[in-house]
């Protein structure tokens, strides 16, 4: 259906006879009418190929979908190559749209963005000297991404002052899991992204820490923008012994539920840390842990990105990205409406880990020896 719509739109812009005439009640005839007027009267006509791409972008802008985006053939090819290699090219930041502005919510450690000095909380105002006002989130993200070795010029607003950064894009080796003991009986597992066999790596980290004496765990999902749904389920079932993890619904389709099928790696006490940079798959895991009363959530309200994006290739090698489904926690909460609300709110990032440690230590102190 999507391919048919794209081809039909292109046929109007290339002036093919589709059997419709300008002035009819069919709204699609407006494209044919506008195409003929532009090619016949505009002082500077950009050419049919440019008009076709502009029409596709215009269709996406007409959606109530901040994540919808058009990817050029080169951008889509790079994306597929990055996914197959387990790497991504860019500058290493994640952002959200907030009241029409684009706020950085997380910066990957050891990334070009971090090295340049970008920070969570910065508001992006322009990219390569072009304002971002009026753009969709997906388009802003697409303009920041690019081929390794190329540069992007960002202007951000920080503390009411504008700052400019010139950043060289590169391939990003995304770390997935790190773990360590942070107290005599407390193990910390930090998950950066739901890629690269995240579930297996979290399971291995938990098992290793338990052998080293951990009797309780902190799972750190702060700043984690998400990733693959399957890996979210795999991470959740490290701590959940069976039962529903998440469900999603596509338009006009029945609900599809995902359940934990592998035995839990641990049943020891658990605290999960989240913040506004915890999105998508992070919210799936935190929401499941909370709904199933498996652990306590500490930090700030999460991003609220409870949706699935899918890529649909077009005939010229380009692609469009559309939101195709919504996530729901085991109790039926729509993650995209508000996100996950922590059980224990701690706004200051510097205080969150200490508070999580206090909570898990207190649970262990009350547990029978």
Protein backbone atom coordinates (compact mmCIF):
# COMPACT_ATOMS: atom_id res chain seq x y z
CA UNK A 1 0.00 0.00 0.00
CA UNK A 2 2.80 2.42 0.86
CA UNK A 3 4.66 1.66 -2.34
CA UNK A 4 1.50 2.16 -4.36
CA UNK A 5 0.89 5.57 -2.79
CA UNK A 6 4.47 6.65 -3.49
CA UNK A 7 4.31 5.54 -7.11
CA UNK A 8 0.92 7.21 -7.61
CA UNK A 9 2.30 10.49 -6.29
CA UNK A 10 5.30 10.25 -8.58
CA UNK A 11 3.04 9.63 -11.56
CA UNK A 12 1.29 12.95 -11.02
CA UNK A 13 4.53 14.86 -10.70
CA UNK A 14 5.94 13.31 -13.84
CA UNK A 15 2.79 14.38 -15.68
CA UNK A 16 1.56 10.87 -16.56
CA UNK A 17 -2.09 10.56 -17.52
CA UNK A 18 -3.84 8.87 -14.60
CA UNK A 19 -7.37 9.51 -15.78
CA UNK A 20 -7.91 12.35 -13.31
CA UNK A 21 -8.27 15.99 -14.29
CA UNK A 22 -7.43 19.22 -12.43
CA UNK A 23 -10.48 20.68 -10.76
CA UNK A 24 -12.01 17.33 -9.85
CA UNK A 25 -12.97 16.54 -6.28
CA UNK A 26 -10.10 14.08 -5.98
CA UNK A 27 -7.51 15.82 -3.76
CA UNK A 28 -4.68 13.96 -5.47
CA UNK A 29 -5.44 15.93 -8.65
CA UNK A 30 -4.02 18.97 -6.85
CA UNK A 31 -0.57 17.45 -7.21
CA UNK A 32 -0.98 17.22 -10.96
CA UNK A 33 -2.30 20.77 -11.09
CA UNK A 34 0.55 22.16 -8.94
CA UNK A 35 3.14 20.25 -10.98
CA UNK A 36 1.92 21.74 -14.26
CA UNK A 37 1.79 25.24 -12.81
CA UNK A 38 5.30 25.01 -11.33
CA UNK A 39 6.83 23.62 -14.53
CA UNK A 40 4.96 26.10 -16.69
CA UNK A 41 5.14 29.31 -14.67
CA UNK A 42 7.79 29.21 -11.92
CA UNK A 43 10.80 31.44 -12.64
CA UNK A 44 13.13 28.74 -11.37
CA UNK A 45 11.81 25.21 -11.70
CA UNK A 46 14.05 22.77 -9.77
CA UNK A 47 13.31 19.79 -11.99
CA UNK A 48 10.96 16.86 -11.64
CA UNK A 49 13.22 14.72 -9.46
CA UNK A 50 13.49 17.49 -6.86
CA UNK A 51 9.73 18.03 -6.97
CA UNK A 52 9.03 14.34 -6.43
CA UNK A 53 11.25 14.23 -3.34
CA UNK A 54 9.67 17.44 -2.05
CA UNK A 55 6.24 15.89 -2.51
CA UNK A 56 7.24 12.83 -0.50
CA UNK A 57 8.60 15.04 2.28
CA UNK A 58 5.42 17.07 2.17
CA UNK A 59 3.31 13.94 2.65
CA UNK A 60 5.37 13.05 5.71
CA UNK A 61 5.04 16.55 7.11
CA UNK A 62 1.28 16.16 6.86
CA UNK A 63 1.35 13.30 9.34
CA UNK A 64 0.95 13.77 13.07
CA UNK A 65 4.19 11.81 13.47
CA UNK A 66 7.32 13.55 14.80
CA UNK A 67 9.44 10.51 13.90
CA UNK A 68 8.41 10.33 10.24
CA UNK A 69 11.34 11.07 7.92
CA UNK A 70 12.58 10.75 4.36
CA UNK A 71 15.97 9.09 3.82
CA UNK A 72 17.88 9.68 0.61
CA UNK A 73 19.32 6.62 -1.16
CA UNK A 74 22.74 7.37 0.36
CA UNK A 75 21.34 7.86 3.87
CA UNK A 76 19.30 4.65 3.70
CA UNK A 77 22.26 2.69 2.32
CA UNK A 78 24.47 3.99 5.16
CA UNK A 79 21.82 3.06 7.73
CA UNK A 80 21.61 -0.52 6.46
CA UNK A 81 25.40 -0.83 6.40
CA UNK A 82 25.65 0.51 9.95
CA UNK A 83 23.02 -1.95 11.23
CA UNK A 84 24.71 -4.92 9.55
CA UNK A 85 28.08 -3.95 11.03
CA UNK A 86 26.68 -3.16 14.49
CA UNK A 87 28.02 0.38 14.13
CA UNK A 88 26.45 3.75 13.48
CA UNK A 89 27.84 6.92 11.96
CA UNK A 90 27.14 10.34 13.37
CA UNK A 91 28.16 12.51 16.30
CA UNK A 92 26.73 10.51 19.22
CA UNK A 93 23.80 12.43 20.64
CA UNK A 94 20.11 11.75 21.20
CA UNK A 95 17.43 14.39 21.41
CA UNK A 96 13.71 14.94 21.85
CA UNK A 97 11.22 17.49 20.63
CA UNK A 98 9.85 19.60 23.46
CA UNK A 99 7.38 22.43 22.78
CA UNK A 100 8.62 22.71 19.19
CA UNK A 101 12.30 22.80 20.20
CA UNK A 102 14.95 20.11 19.95
CA UNK A 103 16.60 19.24 23.24
CA UNK A 104 19.64 17.02 23.62
CA UNK A 105 18.79 14.42 26.25
CA UNK A 106 21.91 12.26 26.11
CA UNK A 107 25.47 12.43 24.77
CA UNK A 108 27.42 9.23 24.21
CA UNK A 109 30.68 9.09 26.13
CA UNK A 110 33.81 9.20 23.93
CA UNK A 111 31.76 10.43 20.96
CA UNK A 112 32.50 13.45 18.73
CA UNK A 113 29.60 15.29 20.40
CA UNK A 114 31.06 14.69 23.86
CA UNK A 115 34.55 15.71 22.72
CA UNK A 116 33.17 18.93 21.24
CA UNK A 117 31.45 19.81 24.52
CA UNK A 118 27.77 19.28 23.75
CA UNK A 119 25.70 18.55 26.85
CA UNK A 120 22.33 17.13 27.80
CA UNK A 121 19.91 20.04 28.02
CA UNK A 122 21.36 21.98 25.08
CA UNK A 123 18.73 23.20 22.60
CA UNK A 124 19.65 22.81 18.93
CA UNK A 125 18.74 25.97 17.00
CA UNK A 126 20.46 25.50 13.63
CA UNK A 127 22.30 22.89 11.58
CA UNK A 128 24.83 24.02 8.97
CA UNK A 129 23.53 27.60 9.25
CA UNK A 130 19.90 26.52 8.60
CA UNK A 131 17.35 27.04 11.39
CA UNK A 132 15.58 23.93 12.67
CA UNK A 133 12.34 25.74 13.43
CA UNK A 134 9.38 23.99 11.82
CA UNK A 135 11.24 20.75 11.12
CA UNK A 136 10.17 17.32 12.33
CA UNK A 137 12.36 15.42 14.78
CA UNK A 138 13.27 12.82 12.16
CA UNK A 139 14.43 15.52 9.74
CA UNK A 140 16.60 17.20 12.38
CA UNK A 141 18.16 13.86 13.24
CA UNK A 142 18.75 13.10 9.56
CA UNK A 143 20.56 16.41 9.03
CA UNK A 144 22.91 15.76 11.94
CA UNK A 145 23.75 12.24 10.77
CA UNK A 146 25.99 11.77 7.75
CA UNK A 147 29.00 10.07 6.23
CA UNK A 148 32.05 9.50 8.45
CA UNK A 149 34.69 12.17 7.95
CA UNK A 150 32.23 14.94 7.05
CA UNK A 151 31.48 17.78 9.44
CA UNK A 152 28.30 19.31 10.76
CA UNK A 153 27.96 22.78 12.28
CA UNK A 154 25.52 22.99 15.19
CA UNK A 155 24.37 26.07 17.05
CA UNK A 156 22.83 25.33 20.43
CA UNK A 157 21.25 27.46 23.09
CA UNK A 158 22.64 26.94 26.58
CA UNK A 159 21.74 29.12 29.54
CA UNK A 160 20.15 31.70 27.20
CA UNK A 161 23.36 32.03 25.14
CA UNK A 162 24.11 30.59 21.70
CA UNK A 163 27.17 28.42 21.21
CA UNK A 164 28.52 27.02 17.95
CA UNK A 165 30.15 23.62 17.51
CA UNK A 166 31.81 22.15 14.43
CA UNK A 167 31.83 18.37 14.78
CA UNK A 168 33.34 15.70 12.55
CA UNK A 169 31.13 12.66 12.08
CA UNK A 170 32.61 9.20 12.48
CA UNK A 171 31.68 5.58 12.91
CA UNK A 172 30.51 5.03 16.46
CA UNK A 173 31.38 1.83 18.25
CA UNK A 174 28.46 1.71 20.62
CA UNK A 175 29.24 0.04 23.93
CA UNK A 176 26.36 -2.07 25.13
CA UNK A 177 26.95 -3.29 28.69
CA UNK A 178 29.38 -2.54 31.50
CA UNK A 179 29.21 -3.90 35.03
CA UNK A 180 30.95 -3.67 38.37
CA UNK A 181 30.50 -4.12 42.11
CA UNK A 182 29.75 -0.77 43.81
CA UNK A 183 29.38 -2.11 47.35
CA UNK A 184 29.99 -5.34 49.21
CA UNK A 185 26.71 -6.85 48.04
CA UNK A 186 25.51 -4.54 45.25
CA UNK A 187 26.17 -5.08 41.56
CA UNK A 188 25.72 -2.33 38.97
CA UNK A 189 24.86 -3.11 35.33
CA UNK A 190 24.90 -0.18 32.89
CA UNK A 191 23.12 -0.69 29.56
CA UNK A 192 23.82 1.97 26.92
CA UNK A 193 21.80 0.67 23.97
CA UNK A 194 19.56 -2.26 23.11
CA UNK A 195 21.82 -3.54 20.34
CA UNK A 196 24.58 -6.10 20.01
CA UNK A 197 23.01 -9.00 21.93
CA UNK A 198 22.17 -6.76 24.87
CA UNK A 199 20.07 -9.43 26.57
CA UNK A 200 22.84 -12.03 26.49
CA UNK A 201 25.40 -9.52 27.75
CA UNK A 202 23.18 -8.34 30.63
CA UNK A 203 22.52 -11.98 31.58
CA UNK A 204 26.25 -12.72 31.60
CA UNK A 205 26.98 -9.59 33.65
CA UNK A 206 24.34 -10.44 36.26
CA UNK A 207 25.55 -14.03 36.54
CA UNK A 208 29.16 -12.90 36.93
CA UNK A 209 28.33 -10.30 39.58
CA UNK A 210 26.27 -12.79 41.55
CA UNK A 211 29.23 -15.17 41.61
CA UNK A 212 31.32 -12.30 42.96
CA UNK A 213 28.94 -11.81 45.86
CA UNK A 214 26.21 -9.51 44.59
CA UNK A 215 22.95 -9.92 46.52
CA UNK A 216 21.11 -7.10 44.82
CA UNK A 217 21.33 -5.26 41.49
CA UNK A 218 21.03 -1.78 40.02
CA UNK A 219 20.21 -1.66 36.32
CA UNK A 220 21.19 1.73 34.89
CA UNK A 221 19.10 2.71 31.84
CA UNK A 222 19.71 6.45 32.09
CA UNK A 223 20.34 8.08 28.73
CA UNK A 224 19.56 4.83 26.92
CA UNK A 225 17.55 5.80 23.80
CA UNK A 226 16.36 2.26 23.07
CA UNK A 227 17.04 -0.10 20.20
CA UNK A 228 15.57 -3.42 19.15
CA UNK A 229 12.33 -4.66 20.69
CA UNK A 230 13.59 -8.26 20.82
CA UNK A 231 16.55 -7.15 22.91
CA UNK A 232 14.24 -5.28 25.28
CA UNK A 233 12.36 -8.53 25.87
CA UNK A 234 15.65 -10.41 26.29
CA UNK A 235 16.86 -7.91 28.90
CA UNK A 236 13.56 -7.96 30.78
CA UNK A 237 13.54 -11.74 31.04
CA UNK A 238 16.92 -11.64 32.78
CA UNK A 239 14.89 -10.46 35.78
CA UNK A 240 11.36 -11.71 35.01
CA UNK A 241 10.47 -15.35 35.38
CA UNK A 242 7.86 -15.75 32.63
CA UNK A 243 4.79 -13.59 31.98
CA UNK A 244 4.06 -10.60 29.77
CA UNK A 245 6.81 -8.07 29.10
CA UNK A 246 5.18 -5.74 26.58
CA UNK A 247 2.51 -5.59 23.90
CA UNK A 248 2.15 -3.48 20.81
CA UNK A 249 -0.67 -2.55 18.49
CA UNK A 250 -0.59 -1.68 14.82
CA UNK A 251 -3.39 0.19 13.09
CA UNK A 252 -6.34 -2.10 12.52
CA UNK A 253 -4.53 -5.14 13.93
CA UNK A 254 -5.05 -7.12 17.15
CA UNK A 255 -2.67 -6.63 20.04
CA UNK A 256 0.57 -8.63 19.91
CA UNK A 257 2.06 -9.61 23.28
CA UNK A 258 5.67 -10.53 24.06
CA UNK A 259 6.37 -12.75 27.06
CA UNK A 260 9.50 -13.81 28.88
CA UNK A 261 10.33 -17.34 27.78
CA UNK A 262 13.82 -17.93 29.22
CA UNK A 263 14.26 -18.56 32.96
CA UNK A 264 15.23 -15.46 34.94
CA UNK A 265 18.95 -15.18 35.58
CA UNK A 266 18.32 -13.82 39.07
CA UNK A 267 15.52 -13.27 41.54
CA UNK A 268 17.58 -10.99 43.77
CA UNK A 269 16.32 -7.46 44.65
CA UNK A 270 16.45 -4.97 41.80
CA UNK A 271 16.45 -1.18 41.32
CA UNK A 272 16.24 0.38 37.85
CA UNK A 273 17.54 3.90 37.21
CA UNK A 274 15.92 6.02 34.47
CA UNK A 275 15.83 9.64 33.30
CA UNK A 276 14.35 11.69 30.47
CA UNK A 277 16.90 10.15 28.09
CA UNK A 278 15.55 6.65 28.76
CA UNK A 279 13.35 5.94 25.76
CA UNK A 280 11.58 3.24 23.79
CA UNK A 281 13.13 -0.15 24.70
CA UNK A 282 14.35 1.32 28.02
CA UNK A 283 10.78 2.22 28.84
CA UNK A 284 9.61 -1.26 27.86
CA UNK A 285 11.98 -2.82 30.39
CA UNK A 286 11.35 -0.27 33.16
CA UNK A 287 7.59 -0.46 32.62
CA UNK A 288 7.60 -4.26 32.79
CA UNK A 289 9.73 -4.30 35.95
CA UNK A 290 7.41 -1.75 37.56
CA UNK A 291 4.12 -3.34 36.51
CA UNK A 292 5.25 -6.80 37.54
CA UNK A 293 6.45 -5.41 40.90
CA UNK A 294 9.84 -6.96 40.28
CA UNK A 295 11.82 -3.90 41.33
CA UNK A 296 11.73 -0.19 42.12
CA UNK A 297 12.28 2.59 39.56
CA UNK A 298 14.52 5.49 40.65
CA UNK A 299 15.21 8.75 38.80
CA UNK A 300 13.07 11.03 36.64
CA UNK A 301 10.16 10.58 34.24
CA UNK A 302 11.26 8.84 31.07
CA UNK A 303 11.16 10.17 27.50
CA UNK A 304 7.71 8.85 26.58
CA UNK A 305 8.55 7.28 23.21
CA UNK A 306 6.21 4.31 23.27
CA UNK A 307 6.14 3.69 19.56
CA UNK A 308 7.62 1.52 16.83
CA UNK A 309 9.24 3.02 13.73
CA UNK A 310 9.57 1.04 10.51
CA UNK A 311 11.53 1.77 7.34
CA UNK A 312 9.87 1.30 3.95
CA UNK A 313 12.19 1.30 0.89
CA UNK A 314 11.10 3.21 -2.22
CA UNK A 315 11.83 2.29 -5.82
CA UNK A 316 14.81 4.67 -6.24
CA UNK A 317 16.70 3.30 -3.21
CA UNK A 318 15.45 5.96 -0.81
CA UNK A 319 13.13 5.15 2.11
CA UNK A 320 10.57 6.62 4.44
CA UNK A 321 10.36 6.06 8.17
CA UNK A 322 6.91 5.86 9.75
CA UNK A 323 5.52 5.17 13.19
CA UNK A 324 3.63 1.90 12.79
CA UNK A 325 2.72 0.71 16.29
CA UNK A 326 2.40 1.72 19.95
CA UNK A 327 3.88 0.00 23.02
CA UNK A 328 1.92 -0.91 26.15
CA UNK A 329 3.21 -2.13 29.51
CA UNK A 330 1.90 -5.43 30.97
CA UNK A 331 -0.90 -3.56 32.77
CA UNK A 332 -1.94 -1.79 29.55
CA UNK A 333 -0.34 1.61 30.11
CA UNK A 334 0.50 3.46 26.90
CA UNK A 335 4.18 4.34 27.26
CA UNK A 336 3.96 7.12 24.69
CA UNK A 337 1.37 9.09 26.64
CA UNK A 338 3.63 9.96 29.53
CA UNK A 339 6.50 7.55 29.84
CA UNK A 340 7.41 5.66 33.01
CA UNK A 341 6.97 7.53 36.29
CA UNK A 342 9.62 6.51 38.85
CA UNK A 343 8.63 5.05 42.20
CA UNK A 344 11.28 7.24 43.80
CA UNK A 345 11.88 10.61 42.15
CA UNK A 346 15.45 11.95 42.15
CA UNK A 347 15.96 14.92 39.84
CA UNK A 348 19.69 15.58 40.30
CA UNK A 349 21.67 13.14 38.16
CA UNK A 350 24.65 13.26 40.53
CA UNK A 351 22.36 12.04 43.33
CA UNK A 352 20.55 9.25 41.45
CA UNK A 353 23.13 6.48 41.79
CA UNK A 354 23.67 7.22 45.48
CA UNK A 355 19.92 7.10 46.09
CA UNK A 356 19.54 3.85 44.14
CA UNK A 357 22.36 2.38 46.22
CA UNK A 358 20.62 3.50 49.42
CA UNK A 359 17.37 1.85 48.29
CA UNK A 360 18.92 -1.50 47.35
CA UNK A 361 21.08 -1.51 50.50
CA UNK A 362 17.98 -0.87 52.61
CA UNK A 363 16.15 -3.77 50.93
CA UNK A 364 19.08 -6.08 51.57
CA UNK A 365 19.25 -4.99 55.22
CA UNK A 366 15.62 -6.04 55.70
CA UNK A 367 15.99 -9.33 53.86
CA UNK A 368 16.46 -12.49 55.91
CA UNK A 369 20.07 -13.62 56.07
